[in-house]
Amino acid sequence: MIDATYLKAHRTASSLGVKKGGRGRLIGRTKGGMNTKLHAISDSQGRPLDLLVTAGEVSDYIGARALCDSLPVSIGCSRIAATTPTGSRKL
């Protein structure tokens, strides 16, 4: 199963400086304000296989594709149940 949820960022979080050599804050502007998005993929028992944090405005499709690409080929994403309108369509 693949799902994503928004995590509301505190209003001062986006103004914090980035440490040298760091990835920066994964905070993006959305309709609801500054957000981060947590994407997750789990097995048939609901156990998480991988998590991905992105900026809030990143598409669910991009997050789902990145999670599918992170899985071993033997598992793949050929038989997943998405909780978004993508359903069984190819991601």
Protein backbone atom coordinates (compact mmCIF):
# COMPACT_ATOMS: atom_id res chain seq x y z
CA MET A 1 0.00 0.00 0.00
CA ILE A 2 1.21 3.52 -0.78
CA ASP A 3 -0.02 6.61 1.05
CA ALA A 4 1.07 10.18 1.76
CA THR A 5 0.15 12.69 4.42
CA TYR A 6 0.90 16.35 5.03
CA LEU A 7 2.86 17.47 8.07
CA LYS A 8 2.28 21.11 8.98
CA ALA A 9 5.53 23.03 9.44
CA HIS A 10 5.80 25.61 12.21
CA ARG A 11 5.76 29.15 10.85
CA THR A 12 9.38 29.76 11.89
CA ALA A 13 10.71 26.50 10.42
CA SER A 14 11.14 27.85 6.90
CA SER A 15 13.27 30.76 8.07
CA LEU A 16 15.88 28.58 9.77
CA GLY A 17 19.26 28.55 8.07
CA VAL A 18 20.61 25.52 6.25
CA LYS A 19 23.75 23.95 7.64
CA LYS A 20 26.74 23.84 5.32
CA GLY A 21 26.57 20.69 3.18
CA GLY A 22 23.04 19.92 4.38
CA ARG A 23 19.99 19.03 2.29
CA GLY A 24 18.00 21.93 3.64
CA ARG A 25 14.50 21.88 5.00
CA LEU A 26 12.01 19.83 3.02
CA ILE A 27 9.28 22.42 3.41
CA GLY A 28 7.15 23.65 0.54
CA ARG A 29 4.35 26.15 0.14
CA THR A 30 0.91 24.66 -0.45
CA LYS A 31 -2.61 26.04 -0.35
CA GLY A 32 -2.70 25.40 3.39
CA GLY A 33 0.62 27.11 4.11
CA MET A 34 4.09 25.68 4.66
CA ASN A 35 4.03 21.87 4.67
CA THR A 36 6.16 18.77 4.44
CA LYS A 37 4.80 15.53 2.99
CA LEU A 38 5.52 12.03 4.29
CA HIS A 39 5.14 9.23 1.73
CA ALA A 40 5.06 5.61 2.91
CA ILE A 41 4.92 2.19 1.29
CA SER A 42 3.99 -0.92 3.27
CA ASP A 43 3.62 -4.64 2.74
CA SER A 44 0.32 -6.56 2.77
CA GLN A 45 0.44 -6.72 6.58
CA GLY A 46 0.73 -2.93 6.89
CA ARG A 47 4.38 -3.01 7.94
CA PRO A 48 6.34 -0.06 6.51
CA LEU A 49 8.90 -0.94 3.84
CA ASP A 50 10.16 2.58 3.14
CA LEU A 51 9.44 6.20 4.02
CA LEU A 52 10.16 9.35 2.01
CA VAL A 53 9.96 12.97 3.16
CA THR A 54 9.41 15.64 0.49
CA ALA A 55 8.41 19.28 0.32
CA GLY A 56 4.65 19.80 0.59
CA GLU A 57 4.05 20.70 -3.05
CA VAL A 58 5.63 17.50 -4.42
CA SER A 59 3.09 15.34 -6.27
CA ASP A 60 1.92 12.04 -4.80
CA TYR A 61 2.86 10.41 -8.12
CA ILE A 62 6.48 11.54 -7.79
CA GLY A 63 6.64 10.24 -4.21
CA ALA A 64 5.04 6.93 -5.20
CA ARG A 65 7.45 6.46 -8.10
CA ALA A 66 10.46 7.20 -5.85
CA LEU A 67 9.22 4.67 -3.29
CA CYS A 68 8.64 2.02 -5.97
CA ASP A 69 12.12 2.61 -7.36
CA SER A 70 13.60 2.13 -3.87
CA LEU A 71 12.19 -1.41 -3.58
CA PRO A 72 14.14 -4.47 -4.70
CA VAL A 73 13.13 -5.72 -8.15
CA SER A 74 11.81 -8.94 -6.60
CA ILE A 75 9.17 -6.95 -4.70
CA GLY A 76 8.45 -4.15 -7.16
CA CYS A 77 5.21 -2.20 -7.34
CA SER A 78 3.32 -4.41 -9.74
CA ARG A 79 0.70 -5.36 -7.14
CA ILE A 80 0.08 -2.45 -4.84
CA ALA A 81 -3.08 -0.92 -3.47
CA ALA A 82 -2.81 2.85 -3.58
CA THR A 83 -5.01 4.87 -1.25
CA THR A 84 -5.12 7.71 -3.77
CA PRO A 85 -7.15 7.85 -7.00
CA THR A 86 -4.23 6.19 -8.84
CA GLY A 87 -5.63 2.84 -7.66
CA SER A 88 -4.39 0.08 -9.90
CA ARG A 89 -3.31 2.34 -12.75
CA LYS A 90 0.35 2.39 -13.61
CA LEU A 91 2.21 4.95 -11.55
